[in-house]
Amino acid sequence: MSSTRKISYVIHYTVKDDSYWTPAEWYARKRGQRPGDGKPTPANIAKHCAHMEASTLPGGVNAHIGKTKILSAYVVDQRTREIVATYHS
């Protein structure tokens, strides 16, 4: 029997090559093997975006996407639909 839970935050990306990245859950806390990103603050989003960009380099887990530059990102609170933090490179 499965359980459900609500997603609290979602991050949206704008990338340089005009490709579309599907919005993803912002993991504020650790879940399983995946470490959490902390509260959605501009500093934490910047760190998250740097990690995502590094993952698209050769040898990274997202290398199949190709080297990518994230231009901006924002995190939306799913309960209130408000933007709680933004990032601009």
N, C-alpha and C. Protein backbone atom coordinates (compact mmCIF):
# COMPACT_ATOMS: atom_id res chain seq x y z
N MET A 1 0.84 -1.16 0.00
CA MET A 1 0.00 0.00 0.00
C MET A 1 0.90 1.24 0.00
N SER A 2 0.66 2.14 -0.92
CA SER A 2 1.50 3.33 -1.03
C SER A 2 0.88 4.50 -0.27
N SER A 3 1.74 5.46 0.00
CA SER A 3 1.26 6.67 0.65
C SER A 3 1.53 7.85 -0.27
N THR A 4 0.84 8.93 -0.03
CA THR A 4 1.05 10.12 -0.83
C THR A 4 1.53 11.25 0.07
N ARG A 5 2.20 12.19 -0.54
CA ARG A 5 2.62 13.37 0.18
C ARG A 5 2.59 14.54 -0.79
N LYS A 6 2.44 15.71 -0.25
CA LYS A 6 2.40 16.90 -1.09
C LYS A 6 3.80 17.45 -1.28
N ILE A 7 4.05 17.95 -2.46
CA ILE A 7 5.32 18.61 -2.75
C ILE A 7 5.22 20.04 -2.23
N SER A 8 6.19 20.46 -1.44
CA SER A 8 6.16 21.80 -0.85
C SER A 8 6.66 22.87 -1.81
N TYR A 9 7.80 22.60 -2.47
CA TYR A 9 8.43 23.60 -3.33
C TYR A 9 8.81 22.99 -4.68
N VAL A 10 8.75 23.82 -5.73
CA VAL A 10 9.16 23.40 -7.07
C VAL A 10 10.11 24.45 -7.63
N ILE A 11 11.21 23.99 -8.26
CA ILE A 11 12.16 24.91 -8.89
C ILE A 11 11.96 24.89 -10.40
N HIS A 12 11.97 26.08 -10.99
CA HIS A 12 11.83 26.27 -12.44
C HIS A 12 13.13 26.87 -12.96
N TYR A 13 13.59 26.39 -14.11
CA TYR A 13 14.86 26.83 -14.68
C TYR A 13 14.64 27.53 -16.03
N THR A 14 15.52 28.51 -16.33
CA THR A 14 15.65 29.07 -17.66
C THR A 14 17.11 28.86 -18.05
N VAL A 15 17.32 28.15 -19.17
CA VAL A 15 18.68 27.83 -19.58
C VAL A 15 19.05 28.56 -20.87
N LYS A 16 20.35 28.69 -21.12
CA LYS A 16 20.87 29.54 -22.19
C LYS A 16 20.44 29.10 -23.59
N ASP A 17 20.41 27.82 -23.86
CA ASP A 17 20.14 27.37 -25.22
C ASP A 17 18.65 27.24 -25.56
N ASP A 18 17.79 27.84 -24.76
CA ASP A 18 16.34 27.82 -24.97
C ASP A 18 15.72 26.43 -24.92
N SER A 19 16.46 25.46 -24.40
CA SER A 19 15.85 24.15 -24.21
C SER A 19 14.94 24.23 -22.98
N TYR A 20 14.05 23.27 -22.85
CA TYR A 20 13.10 23.29 -21.74
C TYR A 20 13.51 22.26 -20.71
N TRP A 21 13.65 22.70 -19.47
CA TRP A 21 13.89 21.79 -18.35
C TRP A 21 12.59 21.70 -17.56
N THR A 22 12.11 20.51 -17.36
CA THR A 22 10.90 20.30 -16.59
C THR A 22 11.10 20.79 -15.16
N PRO A 23 10.14 21.56 -14.62
CA PRO A 23 10.25 21.96 -13.21
C PRO A 23 10.42 20.73 -12.32
N ALA A 24 11.19 20.88 -11.26
CA ALA A 24 11.51 19.76 -10.39
C ALA A 24 11.21 20.11 -8.94
N GLU A 25 11.04 19.09 -8.13
CA GLU A 25 10.82 19.31 -6.71
C GLU A 25 12.07 19.88 -6.06
N TRP A 26 11.90 20.87 -5.22
CA TRP A 26 13.00 21.41 -4.40
C TRP A 26 13.01 20.60 -3.12
N TYR A 27 14.08 19.84 -2.91
CA TYR A 27 14.20 18.98 -1.74
C TYR A 27 14.79 19.80 -0.59
N ALA A 28 13.96 20.30 0.29
CA ALA A 28 14.44 21.08 1.42
C ALA A 28 15.14 20.19 2.44
N ARG A 29 14.68 18.95 2.57
CA ARG A 29 15.27 18.00 3.53
C ARG A 29 15.82 16.78 2.80
N LYS A 30 16.68 16.08 3.50
CA LYS A 30 17.25 14.84 2.97
C LYS A 30 16.12 13.83 2.75
N ARG A 31 16.22 13.11 1.63
CA ARG A 31 15.26 12.05 1.36
C ARG A 31 16.00 10.86 0.81
N GLY A 32 16.07 9.79 1.59
CA GLY A 32 16.81 8.60 1.18
C GLY A 32 18.28 8.92 1.04
N GLN A 33 18.86 8.57 -0.11
CA GLN A 33 20.27 8.83 -0.37
C GLN A 33 20.54 10.25 -0.83
N ARG A 34 19.49 10.96 -1.23
CA ARG A 34 19.67 12.31 -1.77
C ARG A 34 19.71 13.34 -0.65
N PRO A 35 20.79 14.15 -0.60
CA PRO A 35 20.85 15.20 0.44
C PRO A 35 19.88 16.32 0.11
N GLY A 36 19.43 17.01 1.11
CA GLY A 36 18.52 18.13 0.90
C GLY A 36 19.25 19.38 0.46
N ASP A 37 18.52 20.32 -0.13
CA ASP A 37 19.09 21.58 -0.59
C ASP A 37 18.89 22.70 0.43
N GLY A 38 18.20 22.43 1.52
CA GLY A 38 17.95 23.46 2.52
C GLY A 38 16.77 24.33 2.15
N LYS A 39 16.55 25.37 2.95
CA LYS A 39 15.46 26.30 2.65
C LYS A 39 15.72 26.97 1.31
N PRO A 40 14.67 27.28 0.57
CA PRO A 40 14.87 27.93 -0.73
C PRO A 40 15.26 29.40 -0.54
N THR A 41 16.55 29.66 -0.51
CA THR A 41 17.09 31.01 -0.40
C THR A 41 17.92 31.29 -1.66
N PRO A 42 18.19 32.55 -1.97
CA PRO A 42 19.02 32.84 -3.14
C PRO A 42 20.39 32.14 -3.09
N ALA A 43 21.01 32.07 -1.92
CA ALA A 43 22.31 31.40 -1.80
C ALA A 43 22.19 29.91 -2.07
N ASN A 44 21.15 29.27 -1.55
CA ASN A 44 20.97 27.83 -1.77
C ASN A 44 20.61 27.53 -3.22
N ILE A 45 19.83 28.42 -3.86
CA ILE A 45 19.51 28.21 -5.27
C ILE A 45 20.78 28.36 -6.12
N ALA A 46 21.62 29.33 -5.80
CA ALA A 46 22.87 29.52 -6.54
C ALA A 46 23.76 28.27 -6.43
N LYS A 47 23.85 27.71 -5.23
CA LYS A 47 24.64 26.49 -5.02
C LYS A 47 24.02 25.32 -5.80
N HIS A 48 22.71 25.20 -5.77
CA HIS A 48 22.01 24.14 -6.49
C HIS A 48 22.24 24.27 -8.00
N CYS A 49 22.14 25.50 -8.52
CA CYS A 49 22.33 25.71 -9.96
C CYS A 49 23.77 25.41 -10.38
N ALA A 50 24.74 25.78 -9.56
CA ALA A 50 26.14 25.46 -9.86
C ALA A 50 26.33 23.94 -9.92
N HIS A 51 25.69 23.23 -9.00
CA HIS A 51 25.77 21.76 -8.98
C HIS A 51 25.11 21.18 -10.23
N MET A 52 23.97 21.72 -10.62
CA MET A 52 23.28 21.22 -11.82
C MET A 52 24.10 21.48 -13.07
N GLU A 53 24.72 22.67 -13.17
CA GLU A 53 25.56 22.97 -14.33
C GLU A 53 26.76 22.02 -14.38
N ALA A 54 27.36 21.75 -13.24
CA ALA A 54 28.50 20.83 -13.19
C ALA A 54 28.09 19.42 -13.60
N SER A 55 26.86 19.03 -13.31
CA SER A 55 26.41 17.68 -13.65
C SER A 55 26.24 17.49 -15.15
N THR A 56 26.19 18.60 -15.93
CA THR A 56 26.03 18.48 -17.38
C THR A 56 27.37 18.43 -18.11
N LEU A 57 28.48 18.56 -17.38
CA LEU A 57 29.80 18.48 -17.99
C LEU A 57 30.16 17.01 -18.26
N PRO A 58 31.13 16.76 -19.14
CA PRO A 58 31.54 15.37 -19.40
C PRO A 58 31.89 14.64 -18.11
N GLY A 59 31.35 13.45 -17.96
CA GLY A 59 31.56 12.65 -16.76
C GLY A 59 30.49 12.86 -15.71
N GLY A 60 29.66 13.88 -15.86
CA GLY A 60 28.58 14.14 -14.91
C GLY A 60 27.36 13.28 -15.20
N VAL A 61 26.45 13.20 -14.23
CA VAL A 61 25.28 12.35 -14.39
C VAL A 61 24.34 12.86 -15.47
N ASN A 62 24.40 14.15 -15.80
CA ASN A 62 23.56 14.71 -16.85
C ASN A 62 24.38 15.10 -18.08
N ALA A 63 25.51 14.42 -18.29
CA ALA A 63 26.39 14.73 -19.43
C ALA A 63 25.68 14.56 -20.76
N HIS A 64 24.68 13.68 -20.80
CA HIS A 64 23.94 13.44 -22.05
C HIS A 64 23.18 14.68 -22.51
N ILE A 65 22.94 15.63 -21.60
CA ILE A 65 22.26 16.88 -21.97
C ILE A 65 23.22 17.80 -22.71
N GLY A 66 24.48 17.73 -22.35
CA GLY A 66 25.48 18.63 -22.90
C GLY A 66 25.69 19.81 -21.98
N LYS A 67 26.84 20.46 -22.10
CA LYS A 67 27.17 21.58 -21.22
C LYS A 67 26.05 22.61 -21.27
N THR A 68 25.55 22.98 -20.09
CA THR A 68 24.41 23.88 -19.99
C THR A 68 24.71 25.01 -19.03
N LYS A 69 24.23 26.21 -19.36
CA LYS A 69 24.33 27.38 -18.49
C LYS A 69 22.93 27.75 -18.04
N ILE A 70 22.70 27.78 -16.72
CA ILE A 70 21.40 28.18 -16.19
C ILE A 70 21.41 29.70 -16.05
N LEU A 71 20.51 30.36 -16.75
CA LEU A 71 20.42 31.82 -16.71
C LEU A 71 19.68 32.32 -15.48
N SER A 72 18.61 31.63 -15.15
CA SER A 72 17.83 32.03 -13.97
C SER A 72 17.04 30.83 -13.46
N ALA A 73 16.62 30.95 -12.22
CA ALA A 73 15.78 29.91 -11.61
C ALA A 73 14.97 30.56 -10.51
N TYR A 74 13.84 29.97 -10.22
CA TYR A 74 13.02 30.45 -9.11
C TYR A 74 12.29 29.28 -8.47
N VAL A 75 12.01 29.42 -7.18
CA VAL A 75 11.34 28.37 -6.43
C VAL A 75 9.95 28.87 -6.05
N VAL A 76 8.95 28.03 -6.29
CA VAL A 76 7.56 28.36 -6.01
C VAL A 76 7.05 27.52 -4.85
N ASP A 77 6.42 28.16 -3.88
CA ASP A 77 5.75 27.46 -2.79
C ASP A 77 4.45 26.92 -3.35
N GLN A 78 4.27 25.62 -3.32
CA GLN A 78 3.11 24.99 -3.94
C GLN A 78 1.79 25.27 -3.20
N ARG A 79 1.88 25.61 -1.93
CA ARG A 79 0.65 25.91 -1.18
C ARG A 79 0.10 27.29 -1.52
N THR A 80 0.99 28.29 -1.57
CA THR A 80 0.56 29.67 -1.77
C THR A 80 0.73 30.13 -3.22
N ARG A 81 1.50 29.37 -4.02
CA ARG A 81 1.83 29.70 -5.40
C ARG A 81 2.67 30.97 -5.51
N GLU A 82 3.36 31.33 -4.44
CA GLU A 82 4.23 32.50 -4.44
C GLU A 82 5.67 32.08 -4.74
N ILE A 83 6.39 32.97 -5.42
CA ILE A 83 7.82 32.75 -5.64
C ILE A 83 8.53 33.12 -4.36
N VAL A 84 9.25 32.16 -3.77
CA VAL A 84 9.89 32.39 -2.48
C VAL A 84 11.38 32.74 -2.60
N ALA A 85 12.02 32.42 -3.72
CA ALA A 85 13.43 32.75 -3.92
C ALA A 85 13.75 32.69 -5.41
N THR A 86 14.70 33.55 -5.82
CA THR A 86 15.10 33.59 -7.23
C THR A 86 16.62 33.56 -7.36
N TYR A 87 17.08 33.23 -8.56
CA TYR A 87 18.51 33.20 -8.89
C TYR A 87 18.68 33.75 -10.29
N HIS A 88 19.68 34.60 -10.48
CA HIS A 88 20.06 35.10 -11.80
C HIS A 88 21.57 35.00 -11.92
N SER A 89 22.04 34.44 -13.03
CA SER A 89 23.50 34.29 -13.19
C SER A 89 24.13 35.58 -13.66
